[in-house]
Structure formats: structure tokens, C-alpha cells
Amino acid sequence: MENLKQEVLSCTKCDLHKTRHHVIFGEGNIKAPILVIGEAPGHDEDMIGRPFVGKSGQLLDKIHAACGFTREQHVYISNIVKCRPPGNRVPTDEETRTCVPYLFKQIELIDPLILMPLGASALRVFFGKEYRITQVRGNWLNWYNRLVMPVYHPAALLRNPHLKRDTWEDYKKIVRKYRELIDAEHHSDYV
């Protein structure tokens, strides 16, 4: 993992390296049973050098805490693109194609049981452009014999609080699956 990290930190394969402050490799338990996958770093992440530290990240941490999950033990967090696109725009197809092999290598090294793509961009990396987050969120999918639970991106919840109820139902499914597959005694005050 350290070799991959050094390769990613020095990457200049696409133009995003010209405007970044930090490469956001990922964070969490490198043997985590759950891999959370976002789209790309935002402004706060680019400035601080850590994934999901802005408002979306704070909400994600609250949701994880309610599930009894921590970055240190239960999850690893990464993105499909490791550098911030200017103006927080959606990564281009070319940027995604260039960077996503790093994510796939992270998946191989971490070997999680559950993948959790956050939002449409992350979902499409695994299943293609015809998949819609509004249609498949909350449903267990399979990607190369890995369980995948697509959920709304926390930024979507901040824009539209009405999505929070559905998202919480999705996370409860993840907690139940975690108990089924990994730790039957896993504690959450809410699930």
C-alpha cells in the first residue's frame, strides 16, 4: 500500500496535478471490511490533504458514528479521482479513466467485503453510465464477487434533506450485513 501511495502522490498523468494542493490517497484501516468511495476531493480536502473533511465529510462521519463505524477500524475512504477538479466540477471521463486504476489497486490491497459508492459518479465507475443512483441505491449489487451498496453522496443530503430518511435505511442494511458477515456483536445505538 505504501508503494502505491508514493506512486499516487507523485502522479502527473492528467492535468489535475497542475491545480491540486494535495493528492488525496485515502484514509482509514487498510484492512477495513468496508471501502467507501467518493467522487473526488473537494476544496477542504485539497487544502487539508485528507478525504471527506468538509461539510460532506462531517455528515458522513456522523452517519458512520450512528452505525458504530470508525475510519480507524471499520472503513477505508477513498475517491475515484485523487486530485480536486477545479471548481469542484465532476471529473471528466478521461480523468476518471486515468485515475481509477489506483482505486482498483486499493480495492485489491484492502480486500474489503463491502464497497459503498457514494453517489452517481462512483456508482458508474463500477456499473456503467446506464446505472442511476436514484434507481439502485439501497440495493445490494455484485461487482466481481464483492457486495456493493450504493448510497447517496453526503453532499446530496446537504442539498436535499428529504434524502436522509432513505439514506439511513440504506445504512441500516449495511450494519445488518456487517453483523451477518463480519461481527455478529457489532454495536450501534440506532440499529
N, C-alpha and C. Protein backbone atom coordinates (compact mmCIF):
# COMPACT_ATOMS: atom_id res chain seq x y z
N MET A 1 0.84 -1.20 0.00
CA MET A 1 0.00 0.00 0.00
C MET A 1 0.88 1.25 0.00
N GLU A 2 1.96 1.21 0.74
CA GLU A 2 2.84 2.39 0.81
C GLU A 2 3.46 2.69 -0.55
N ASN A 3 3.83 1.64 -1.30
CA ASN A 3 4.38 1.85 -2.65
C ASN A 3 3.35 2.50 -3.56
N LEU A 4 2.11 2.02 -3.49
CA LEU A 4 1.04 2.61 -4.29
C LEU A 4 0.82 4.07 -3.89
N LYS A 5 0.83 4.32 -2.60
CA LYS A 5 0.63 5.69 -2.12
C LYS A 5 1.70 6.63 -2.68
N GLN A 6 2.94 6.20 -2.66
CA GLN A 6 4.03 7.05 -3.18
C GLN A 6 3.86 7.30 -4.67
N GLU A 7 3.40 6.27 -5.40
CA GLU A 7 3.16 6.44 -6.83
C GLU A 7 2.05 7.46 -7.07
N VAL A 8 0.97 7.36 -6.31
CA VAL A 8 -0.17 8.27 -6.48
C VAL A 8 0.22 9.69 -6.08
N LEU A 9 0.97 9.85 -5.01
CA LEU A 9 1.34 11.19 -4.55
C LEU A 9 2.19 11.95 -5.57
N SER A 10 2.90 11.22 -6.42
CA SER A 10 3.75 11.88 -7.41
C SER A 10 3.15 11.84 -8.82
N CYS A 11 1.89 11.45 -8.93
CA CYS A 11 1.25 11.27 -10.24
C CYS A 11 1.08 12.59 -10.98
N THR A 12 1.41 12.55 -12.28
CA THR A 12 1.19 13.70 -13.17
C THR A 12 0.53 13.23 -14.48
N LYS A 13 -0.26 12.17 -14.41
CA LYS A 13 -0.84 11.55 -15.61
C LYS A 13 -1.96 12.36 -16.25
N CYS A 14 -2.60 13.25 -15.49
CA CYS A 14 -3.63 14.11 -16.07
C CYS A 14 -3.40 15.54 -15.60
N ASP A 15 -4.13 16.48 -16.17
CA ASP A 15 -3.91 17.90 -15.87
C ASP A 15 -4.33 18.31 -14.46
N LEU A 16 -5.05 17.46 -13.75
CA LEU A 16 -5.46 17.83 -12.39
C LEU A 16 -4.27 18.07 -11.48
N HIS A 17 -3.14 17.47 -11.79
CA HIS A 17 -1.96 17.66 -10.94
C HIS A 17 -1.47 19.11 -10.97
N LYS A 18 -1.83 19.83 -12.02
CA LYS A 18 -1.36 21.21 -12.16
C LYS A 18 -2.05 22.18 -11.20
N THR A 19 -3.25 21.84 -10.75
CA THR A 19 -4.02 22.76 -9.91
C THR A 19 -4.22 22.26 -8.49
N ARG A 20 -3.78 21.05 -8.19
CA ARG A 20 -4.01 20.49 -6.86
C ARG A 20 -3.05 21.10 -5.84
N HIS A 21 -3.49 21.06 -4.58
CA HIS A 21 -2.61 21.35 -3.46
C HIS A 21 -2.12 20.04 -2.85
N HIS A 22 -3.03 19.09 -2.71
CA HIS A 22 -2.71 17.77 -2.16
C HIS A 22 -3.34 16.67 -3.00
N VAL A 23 -2.65 15.57 -3.10
CA VAL A 23 -3.25 14.35 -3.62
C VAL A 23 -3.93 13.68 -2.43
N ILE A 24 -5.17 13.26 -2.62
CA ILE A 24 -5.91 12.62 -1.53
C ILE A 24 -5.94 11.12 -1.81
N PHE A 25 -5.00 10.41 -1.22
CA PHE A 25 -4.85 8.99 -1.49
C PHE A 25 -5.98 8.17 -0.89
N GLY A 26 -6.30 8.45 0.35
CA GLY A 26 -7.31 7.68 1.08
C GLY A 26 -6.96 7.67 2.55
N GLU A 27 -7.89 7.15 3.36
CA GLU A 27 -7.67 7.16 4.81
C GLU A 27 -8.53 6.10 5.47
N GLY A 28 -7.98 5.50 6.50
CA GLY A 28 -8.72 4.52 7.28
C GLY A 28 -7.91 3.27 7.52
N ASN A 29 -8.61 2.22 7.88
CA ASN A 29 -7.99 0.93 8.15
C ASN A 29 -7.67 0.26 6.80
N ILE A 30 -6.40 -0.02 6.56
CA ILE A 30 -6.03 -0.60 5.26
C ILE A 30 -6.44 -2.06 5.14
N LYS A 31 -7.06 -2.59 6.16
CA LYS A 31 -7.67 -3.93 6.09
C LYS A 31 -9.16 -3.84 6.44
N ALA A 32 -9.75 -2.69 6.16
CA ALA A 32 -11.16 -2.45 6.51
C ALA A 32 -12.09 -3.38 5.73
N PRO A 33 -13.16 -3.83 6.37
CA PRO A 33 -14.15 -4.63 5.66
C PRO A 33 -15.07 -3.80 4.77
N ILE A 34 -15.07 -2.47 4.95
CA ILE A 34 -15.92 -1.59 4.15
C ILE A 34 -15.05 -0.53 3.49
N LEU A 35 -15.20 -0.40 2.16
CA LEU A 35 -14.50 0.65 1.43
C LEU A 35 -15.53 1.64 0.92
N VAL A 36 -15.42 2.87 1.38
CA VAL A 36 -16.31 3.97 1.00
C VAL A 36 -15.63 4.73 -0.13
N ILE A 37 -16.38 4.96 -1.22
CA ILE A 37 -15.78 5.54 -2.41
C ILE A 37 -16.54 6.78 -2.83
N GLY A 38 -15.87 7.93 -2.77
CA GLY A 38 -16.45 9.18 -3.21
C GLY A 38 -16.04 9.50 -4.64
N GLU A 39 -16.42 10.67 -5.08
CA GLU A 39 -16.16 11.10 -6.45
C GLU A 39 -14.75 11.66 -6.60
N ALA A 40 -14.47 12.73 -5.87
CA ALA A 40 -13.19 13.43 -5.96
C ALA A 40 -13.05 14.34 -4.75
N PRO A 41 -11.83 14.72 -4.41
CA PRO A 41 -11.67 15.65 -3.30
C PRO A 41 -12.32 17.00 -3.61
N GLY A 42 -12.82 17.64 -2.57
CA GLY A 42 -13.33 18.99 -2.69
C GLY A 42 -12.30 19.99 -2.21
N HIS A 43 -12.72 21.23 -2.07
CA HIS A 43 -11.81 22.31 -1.66
C HIS A 43 -11.15 22.02 -0.31
N ASP A 44 -11.97 21.68 0.69
CA ASP A 44 -11.41 21.45 2.03
C ASP A 44 -10.42 20.29 2.03
N GLU A 45 -10.76 19.24 1.32
CA GLU A 45 -9.89 18.07 1.25
C GLU A 45 -8.56 18.43 0.58
N ASP A 46 -8.65 19.19 -0.51
CA ASP A 46 -7.46 19.60 -1.25
C ASP A 46 -6.56 20.48 -0.39
N MET A 47 -7.15 21.32 0.43
CA MET A 47 -6.35 22.22 1.27
C MET A 47 -5.74 21.49 2.47
N ILE A 48 -6.51 20.57 3.06
CA ILE A 48 -6.06 19.89 4.28
C ILE A 48 -5.26 18.62 3.97
N GLY A 49 -5.60 17.95 2.87
CA GLY A 49 -4.87 16.75 2.49
C GLY A 49 -5.46 15.45 3.02
N ARG A 50 -6.74 15.47 3.39
CA ARG A 50 -7.44 14.28 3.89
C ARG A 50 -8.79 14.15 3.20
N PRO A 51 -9.30 12.92 3.03
CA PRO A 51 -10.60 12.76 2.38
C PRO A 51 -11.76 13.06 3.32
N PHE A 52 -12.80 13.63 2.76
CA PHE A 52 -14.07 13.86 3.47
C PHE A 52 -13.87 14.57 4.81
N VAL A 53 -13.36 15.79 4.74
CA VAL A 53 -13.19 16.60 5.95
C VAL A 53 -14.06 17.84 5.95
N GLY A 54 -14.68 18.16 4.83
CA GLY A 54 -15.58 19.31 4.75
C GLY A 54 -16.95 18.98 5.31
N LYS A 55 -17.95 19.75 4.91
CA LYS A 55 -19.30 19.54 5.43
C LYS A 55 -19.83 18.15 5.08
N SER A 56 -19.56 17.69 3.86
CA SER A 56 -19.99 16.34 3.47
C SER A 56 -19.30 15.28 4.33
N GLY A 57 -18.02 15.47 4.57
CA GLY A 57 -17.27 14.52 5.39
C GLY A 57 -17.74 14.50 6.83
N GLN A 58 -18.09 15.66 7.35
CA GLN A 58 -18.60 15.72 8.72
C GLN A 58 -19.92 14.97 8.84
N LEU A 59 -20.78 15.12 7.83
CA LEU A 59 -22.04 14.39 7.83
C LEU A 59 -21.78 12.89 7.68
N LEU A 60 -20.85 12.52 6.81
CA LEU A 60 -20.50 11.11 6.64
C LEU A 60 -20.00 10.51 7.95
N ASP A 61 -19.16 11.24 8.66
CA ASP A 61 -18.65 10.75 9.95
C ASP A 61 -19.78 10.58 10.97
N LYS A 62 -20.77 11.49 10.96
CA LYS A 62 -21.91 11.35 11.86
C LYS A 62 -22.73 10.11 11.54
N ILE A 63 -22.94 9.87 10.25
CA ILE A 63 -23.68 8.67 9.83
C ILE A 63 -22.92 7.42 10.25
N HIS A 64 -21.62 7.41 9.99
CA HIS A 64 -20.81 6.26 10.38
C HIS A 64 -20.84 6.05 11.89
N ALA A 65 -20.76 7.12 12.65
CA ALA A 65 -20.80 7.00 14.11
C ALA A 65 -22.13 6.39 14.56
N ALA A 66 -23.22 6.81 13.94
CA ALA A 66 -24.53 6.24 14.28
C ALA A 66 -24.58 4.75 13.97
N CYS A 67 -23.81 4.34 12.97
CA CYS A 67 -23.73 2.91 12.60
C CYS A 67 -22.74 2.14 13.48
N GLY A 68 -21.96 2.85 14.29
CA GLY A 68 -20.93 2.21 15.08
C GLY A 68 -19.64 1.99 14.29
N PHE A 69 -19.47 2.70 13.17
CA PHE A 69 -18.29 2.55 12.32
C PHE A 69 -17.32 3.71 12.54
N THR A 70 -16.03 3.41 12.47
CA THR A 70 -14.99 4.44 12.54
C THR A 70 -14.02 4.25 11.38
N ARG A 71 -13.34 5.33 11.03
CA ARG A 71 -12.31 5.25 9.99
C ARG A 71 -11.14 4.38 10.47
N GLU A 72 -10.89 4.39 11.74
CA GLU A 72 -9.75 3.65 12.27
C GLU A 72 -9.94 2.13 12.24
N GLN A 73 -11.19 1.68 12.36
CA GLN A 73 -11.43 0.25 12.48
C GLN A 73 -12.25 -0.34 11.33
N HIS A 74 -13.33 0.29 10.94
CA HIS A 74 -14.32 -0.35 10.08
C HIS A 74 -14.26 0.03 8.60
N VAL A 75 -13.82 1.25 8.32
CA VAL A 75 -13.90 1.73 6.94
C VAL A 75 -12.56 2.30 6.45
N TYR A 76 -12.43 2.23 5.15
CA TYR A 76 -11.37 2.96 4.45
C TYR A 76 -12.11 3.86 3.47
N ILE A 77 -11.67 5.09 3.34
CA ILE A 77 -12.34 6.07 2.48
C ILE A 77 -11.39 6.51 1.38
N SER A 78 -11.88 6.47 0.16
CA SER A 78 -11.09 6.90 -0.98
C SER A 78 -12.01 7.56 -2.00
N ASN A 79 -11.45 7.93 -3.14
CA ASN A 79 -12.21 8.56 -4.21
C ASN A 79 -11.84 7.94 -5.54
N ILE A 80 -12.70 8.13 -6.54
CA ILE A 80 -12.37 7.62 -7.86
C ILE A 80 -11.27 8.45 -8.50
N VAL A 81 -11.21 9.74 -8.18
CA VAL A 81 -10.17 10.64 -8.65
C VAL A 81 -9.47 11.20 -7.42
N LYS A 82 -8.15 11.21 -7.42
CA LYS A 82 -7.37 11.55 -6.23
C LYS A 82 -7.02 13.03 -6.11
N CYS A 83 -7.27 13.82 -7.15
CA CYS A 83 -6.98 15.26 -7.13
C CYS A 83 -8.28 16.04 -7.38
N ARG A 84 -8.36 17.21 -6.78
CA ARG A 84 -9.57 18.02 -6.91
C ARG A 84 -9.72 18.60 -8.31
N PRO A 85 -10.85 18.35 -8.96
CA PRO A 85 -11.12 19.05 -10.21
C PRO A 85 -11.41 20.53 -9.90
N PRO A 86 -10.91 21.44 -10.73
CA PRO A 86 -11.13 22.87 -10.48
C PRO A 86 -12.61 23.19 -10.32
N GLY A 87 -12.91 24.01 -9.33
CA GLY A 87 -14.28 24.43 -9.08
C GLY A 87 -15.20 23.32 -8.60
N ASN A 88 -14.61 22.23 -8.15
CA ASN A 88 -15.38 21.06 -7.68
C ASN A 88 -16.26 20.47 -8.77
N ARG A 89 -15.88 20.65 -10.03
CA ARG A 89 -16.66 20.06 -11.12
C ARG A 89 -16.54 18.54 -11.08
N VAL A 90 -17.44 17.87 -11.78
CA VAL A 90 -17.39 16.41 -11.91
C VAL A 90 -16.15 16.04 -12.71
N PRO A 91 -15.42 15.02 -12.31
CA PRO A 91 -14.25 14.61 -13.10
C PRO A 91 -14.67 14.22 -14.51
N THR A 92 -13.83 14.53 -15.48
CA THR A 92 -14.11 14.12 -16.86
C THR A 92 -13.93 12.61 -16.99
N ASP A 93 -14.48 12.07 -18.07
CA ASP A 93 -14.29 10.64 -18.33
C ASP A 93 -12.81 10.30 -18.44
N GLU A 94 -12.04 11.17 -19.09
CA GLU A 94 -10.61 10.93 -19.25
C GLU A 94 -9.89 10.95 -17.89
N GLU A 95 -10.23 11.92 -17.04
CA GLU A 95 -9.61 11.97 -15.70
C GLU A 95 -9.96 10.73 -14.91
N THR A 96 -11.20 10.29 -15.01
CA THR A 96 -11.63 9.09 -14.29
C THR A 96 -10.89 7.87 -14.81
N ARG A 97 -10.84 7.71 -16.13
CA ARG A 97 -10.13 6.55 -16.71
C ARG A 97 -8.66 6.53 -16.31
N THR A 98 -8.05 7.70 -16.22
CA THR A 98 -6.64 7.80 -15.87
C THR A 98 -6.40 7.43 -14.41
N CYS A 99 -7.28 7.83 -13.54
CA CYS A 99 -7.06 7.69 -12.10
C CYS A 99 -7.66 6.42 -11.48
N VAL A 100 -8.72 5.91 -12.06
CA VAL A 100 -9.44 4.80 -11.41
C VAL A 100 -8.59 3.53 -11.24
N PRO A 101 -7.57 3.28 -12.05
CA PRO A 101 -6.73 2.10 -11.75
C PRO A 101 -6.11 2.15 -10.36
N TYR A 102 -5.84 3.35 -9.86
CA TYR A 102 -5.33 3.47 -8.48
C TYR A 102 -6.37 2.97 -7.48
N LEU A 103 -7.63 3.34 -7.70
CA LEU A 103 -8.69 2.87 -6.82
C LEU A 103 -8.82 1.36 -6.89
N PHE A 104 -8.78 0.82 -8.10
CA PHE A 104 -8.90 -0.64 -8.24
C PHE A 104 -7.75 -1.36 -7.54
N LYS A 105 -6.56 -0.77 -7.57
CA LYS A 105 -5.42 -1.36 -6.85
C LYS A 105 -5.66 -1.27 -5.34
N GLN A 106 -6.23 -0.16 -4.87
CA GLN A 106 -6.57 -0.05 -3.45
C GLN A 106 -7.56 -1.14 -3.06
N ILE A 107 -8.56 -1.37 -3.89
CA ILE A 107 -9.54 -2.42 -3.60
C ILE A 107 -8.85 -3.76 -3.49
N GLU A 108 -7.95 -4.03 -4.42
CA GLU A 108 -7.21 -5.29 -4.40
C GLU A 108 -6.40 -5.43 -3.10
N LEU A 109 -5.73 -4.38 -2.68
CA LEU A 109 -4.87 -4.44 -1.49
C LEU A 109 -5.68 -4.48 -0.19
N ILE A 110 -6.74 -3.70 -0.11
CA ILE A 110 -7.55 -3.65 1.11
C ILE A 110 -8.41 -4.90 1.22
N ASP A 111 -8.92 -5.37 0.09
CA ASP A 111 -9.75 -6.57 0.01
C ASP A 111 -11.00 -6.46 0.89
N PRO A 112 -11.78 -5.40 0.72
CA PRO A 112 -12.99 -5.24 1.54
C PRO A 112 -14.09 -6.20 1.13
N LEU A 113 -14.97 -6.50 2.06
CA LEU A 113 -16.14 -7.33 1.75
C LEU A 113 -17.27 -6.50 1.15
N ILE A 114 -17.31 -5.22 1.54
CA ILE A 114 -18.41 -4.34 1.11
C ILE A 114 -17.81 -3.07 0.48
N LEU A 115 -18.30 -2.75 -0.72
CA LEU A 115 -17.97 -1.49 -1.37
C LEU A 115 -19.18 -0.58 -1.25
N MET A 116 -18.93 0.68 -0.93
CA MET A 116 -20.01 1.63 -0.76
C MET A 116 -19.74 2.87 -1.63
N PRO A 117 -20.18 2.83 -2.91
CA PRO A 117 -20.02 4.03 -3.73
C PRO A 117 -21.00 5.11 -3.30
N LEU A 118 -20.48 6.32 -3.13
CA LEU A 118 -21.29 7.46 -2.72
C LEU A 118 -21.67 8.26 -3.96
N GLY A 119 -22.91 8.16 -4.39
CA GLY A 119 -23.39 8.98 -5.48
C GLY A 119 -23.17 8.40 -6.86
N ALA A 120 -23.64 9.16 -7.84
CA ALA A 120 -23.71 8.70 -9.23
C ALA A 120 -22.34 8.44 -9.85
N SER A 121 -21.40 9.35 -9.67
CA SER A 121 -20.09 9.19 -10.32
C SER A 121 -19.39 7.93 -9.85
N ALA A 122 -19.39 7.69 -8.55
CA ALA A 122 -18.73 6.50 -8.03
C ALA A 122 -19.47 5.23 -8.48
N LEU A 123 -20.79 5.27 -8.48
CA LEU A 123 -21.57 4.12 -8.92
C LEU A 123 -21.23 3.75 -10.36
N ARG A 124 -21.14 4.73 -11.23
CA ARG A 124 -20.93 4.47 -12.66
C ARG A 124 -19.56 3.88 -12.95
N VAL A 125 -18.58 4.15 -12.11
CA VAL A 125 -17.26 3.55 -12.29
C VAL A 125 -17.36 2.02 -12.24
N PHE A 126 -18.24 1.53 -11.39
CA PHE A 126 -18.37 0.09 -11.21
C PHE A 126 -19.37 -0.56 -12.16
N PHE A 127 -20.42 0.16 -12.53
CA PHE A 127 -21.51 -0.48 -13.25
C PHE A 127 -21.89 0.19 -14.58
N GLY A 128 -21.29 1.30 -14.91
CA GLY A 128 -21.57 1.94 -16.19
C GLY A 128 -22.56 3.08 -16.09
N LYS A 129 -22.60 3.86 -17.15
CA LYS A 129 -23.40 5.09 -17.18
C LYS A 129 -24.90 4.85 -17.14
N GLU A 130 -25.33 3.64 -17.50
CA GLU A 130 -26.78 3.38 -17.51
C GLU A 130 -27.33 3.21 -16.10
N TYR A 131 -26.48 3.02 -15.11
CA TYR A 131 -26.94 2.87 -13.73
C TYR A 131 -27.22 4.24 -13.13
N ARG A 132 -28.35 4.35 -12.46
CA ARG A 132 -28.77 5.61 -11.82
C ARG A 132 -28.82 5.40 -10.32
N ILE A 133 -28.20 6.30 -9.59
CA ILE A 133 -28.17 6.19 -8.12
C ILE A 133 -29.60 6.21 -7.56
N THR A 134 -30.48 6.97 -8.17
CA THR A 134 -31.86 7.06 -7.67
C THR A 134 -32.60 5.74 -7.83
N GLN A 135 -32.17 4.90 -8.76
CA GLN A 135 -32.84 3.63 -9.02
C GLN A 135 -32.23 2.46 -8.25
N VAL A 136 -30.92 2.49 -8.01
CA VAL A 136 -30.27 1.31 -7.40
C VAL A 136 -29.80 1.53 -5.97
N ARG A 137 -29.85 2.75 -5.47
CA ARG A 137 -29.41 2.98 -4.10
C ARG A 137 -30.24 2.10 -3.15
N GLY A 138 -29.56 1.61 -2.14
CA GLY A 138 -30.26 0.78 -1.18
C GLY A 138 -30.42 -0.67 -1.57
N ASN A 139 -29.91 -1.04 -2.74
CA ASN A 139 -29.98 -2.43 -3.20
C ASN A 139 -28.59 -3.03 -3.23
N TRP A 140 -28.48 -4.26 -2.78
CA TRP A 140 -27.20 -4.96 -2.85
C TRP A 140 -26.92 -5.36 -4.29
N LEU A 141 -25.76 -4.97 -4.78
CA LEU A 141 -25.30 -5.34 -6.10
C LEU A 141 -24.04 -6.19 -5.94
N ASN A 142 -23.60 -6.79 -7.04
CA ASN A 142 -22.39 -7.60 -7.00
C ASN A 142 -21.41 -7.08 -8.04
N TRP A 143 -20.16 -6.90 -7.63
CA TRP A 143 -19.09 -6.47 -8.52
C TRP A 143 -17.90 -7.38 -8.27
N TYR A 144 -17.64 -8.28 -9.18
CA TYR A 144 -16.53 -9.24 -9.04
C TYR A 144 -16.54 -9.91 -7.68
N ASN A 145 -17.69 -10.44 -7.32
CA ASN A 145 -17.88 -11.18 -6.06
C ASN A 145 -17.70 -10.32 -4.81
N ARG A 146 -17.89 -9.04 -4.95
CA ARG A 146 -17.91 -8.14 -3.79
C ARG A 146 -19.31 -7.55 -3.67
N LEU A 147 -19.78 -7.42 -2.46
CA LEU A 147 -21.07 -6.78 -2.22
C LEU A 147 -20.92 -5.27 -2.38
N VAL A 148 -21.88 -4.68 -3.06
CA VAL A 148 -21.85 -3.23 -3.29
C VAL A 148 -23.20 -2.66 -2.86
N MET A 149 -23.13 -1.65 -1.99
CA MET A 149 -24.33 -0.94 -1.57
C MET A 149 -24.18 0.53 -1.97
N PRO A 150 -24.77 0.93 -3.10
CA PRO A 150 -24.72 2.33 -3.49
C PRO A 150 -25.62 3.16 -2.56
N VAL A 151 -25.10 4.31 -2.16
CA VAL A 151 -25.87 5.23 -1.32
C VAL A 151 -25.70 6.65 -1.87
N TYR A 152 -26.60 7.52 -1.48
CA TYR A 152 -26.46 8.92 -1.88
C TYR A 152 -25.19 9.51 -1.28
N HIS A 153 -24.58 10.41 -2.03
CA HIS A 153 -23.41 11.13 -1.54
C HIS A 153 -23.88 12.08 -0.43
N PRO A 154 -23.09 12.25 0.63
CA PRO A 154 -23.50 13.18 1.69
C PRO A 154 -23.79 14.60 1.18
N ALA A 155 -23.11 15.03 0.13
CA ALA A 155 -23.40 16.36 -0.43
C ALA A 155 -24.83 16.44 -0.93
N ALA A 156 -25.35 15.34 -1.47
CA ALA A 156 -26.75 15.32 -1.91
C ALA A 156 -27.69 15.48 -0.72
N LEU A 157 -27.32 14.89 0.42
CA LEU A 157 -28.15 15.02 1.62
C LEU A 157 -28.15 16.45 2.14
N LEU A 158 -27.02 17.13 1.98
CA LEU A 158 -26.95 18.52 2.42
C LEU A 158 -27.80 19.42 1.50
N ARG A 159 -27.83 19.08 0.22
CA ARG A 159 -28.65 19.86 -0.73
C ARG A 159 -30.13 19.54 -0.59
N ASN A 160 -30.44 18.27 -0.28
CA ASN A 160 -31.82 17.82 -0.22
C ASN A 160 -32.02 16.95 1.02
N PRO A 161 -32.35 17.55 2.15
CA PRO A 161 -32.51 16.79 3.40
C PRO A 161 -33.57 15.69 3.33
N HIS A 162 -34.49 15.76 2.36
CA HIS A 162 -35.51 14.72 2.23
C HIS A 162 -34.89 13.35 1.89
N LEU A 163 -33.65 13.35 1.41
CA LEU A 163 -32.98 12.09 1.07
C LEU A 163 -32.42 11.37 2.30
N LYS A 164 -32.39 12.06 3.43
CA LYS A 164 -31.76 11.48 4.62
C LYS A 164 -32.47 10.22 5.11
N ARG A 165 -33.78 10.19 5.06
CA ARG A 165 -34.53 9.03 5.56
C ARG A 165 -34.17 7.78 4.76
N ASP A 166 -34.21 7.88 3.42
CA ASP A 166 -33.84 6.74 2.57
C ASP A 166 -32.39 6.33 2.82
N THR A 167 -31.53 7.31 2.95
CA THR A 167 -30.11 7.02 3.17
C THR A 167 -29.91 6.28 4.48
N TRP A 168 -30.62 6.67 5.52
CA TRP A 168 -30.49 5.97 6.80
C TRP A 168 -30.96 4.53 6.68
N GLU A 169 -32.01 4.29 5.93
CA GLU A 169 -32.47 2.91 5.69
C GLU A 169 -31.40 2.09 4.98
N ASP A 170 -30.70 2.73 4.03
CA ASP A 170 -29.62 2.04 3.32
C ASP A 170 -28.48 1.68 4.27
N TYR A 171 -28.12 2.62 5.13
CA TYR A 171 -27.04 2.36 6.08
C TYR A 171 -27.41 1.27 7.09
N LYS A 172 -28.67 1.20 7.45
CA LYS A 172 -29.09 0.13 8.36
C LYS A 172 -28.88 -1.24 7.70
N LYS A 173 -29.09 -1.32 6.39
CA LYS A 173 -28.82 -2.57 5.67
C LYS A 173 -27.33 -2.92 5.74
N ILE A 174 -26.49 -1.90 5.65
CA ILE A 174 -25.05 -2.14 5.72
C ILE A 174 -24.66 -2.65 7.10
N VAL A 175 -25.21 -2.05 8.14
CA VAL A 175 -24.92 -2.50 9.50
C VAL A 175 -25.37 -3.96 9.68
N ARG A 176 -26.55 -4.28 9.20
CA ARG A 176 -27.04 -5.67 9.33
C ARG A 176 -26.15 -6.65 8.58
N LYS A 177 -25.70 -6.26 7.38
CA LYS A 177 -24.82 -7.13 6.60
C LYS A 177 -23.46 -7.26 7.29
N TYR A 178 -23.00 -6.17 7.89
CA TYR A 178 -21.74 -6.21 8.64
C TYR A 178 -21.86 -7.22 9.78
N ARG A 179 -22.97 -7.19 10.48
CA ARG A 179 -23.18 -8.15 11.57
C ARG A 179 -23.26 -9.58 11.03
N GLU A 180 -23.90 -9.74 9.90
CA GLU A 180 -24.04 -11.08 9.31
C GLU A 180 -22.69 -11.65 8.86
N LEU A 181 -21.86 -10.83 8.24
CA LEU A 181 -20.63 -11.31 7.63
C LEU A 181 -19.37 -11.17 8.47
N ILE A 182 -19.34 -10.17 9.35
CA ILE A 182 -18.07 -9.81 9.99
C ILE A 182 -18.11 -9.92 11.50
N ASP A 183 -19.09 -9.30 12.13
CA ASP A 183 -19.11 -9.25 13.59
C ASP A 183 -20.56 -9.23 14.08
N ALA A 184 -21.04 -10.38 14.51
CA ALA A 184 -22.43 -10.50 14.97
C ALA A 184 -22.71 -9.63 16.18
N GLU A 185 -21.66 -9.25 16.91
CA GLU A 185 -21.81 -8.44 18.12
C GLU A 185 -21.61 -6.94 17.87
N HIS A 186 -21.46 -6.55 16.60
CA HIS A 186 -21.21 -5.14 16.32
C HIS A 186 -22.30 -4.26 16.92
N HIS A 187 -21.86 -3.20 17.63
CA HIS A 187 -22.79 -2.35 18.35
C HIS A 187 -23.08 -1.04 17.63
N SER A 188 -24.35 -0.73 17.55
CA SER A 188 -24.82 0.59 17.15
C SER A 188 -26.00 0.91 18.05
N ASP A 189 -26.03 2.12 18.58
CA ASP A 189 -27.16 2.53 19.42
C ASP A 189 -28.45 2.64 18.63
N TYR A 190 -28.35 2.70 17.30
CA TYR A 190 -29.51 3.05 16.48
C TYR A 190 -29.98 1.94 15.55
N VAL A 191 -29.21 0.89 15.43
CA VAL A 191 -29.58 -0.20 14.51
C VAL A 191 -29.61 -1.51 15.26
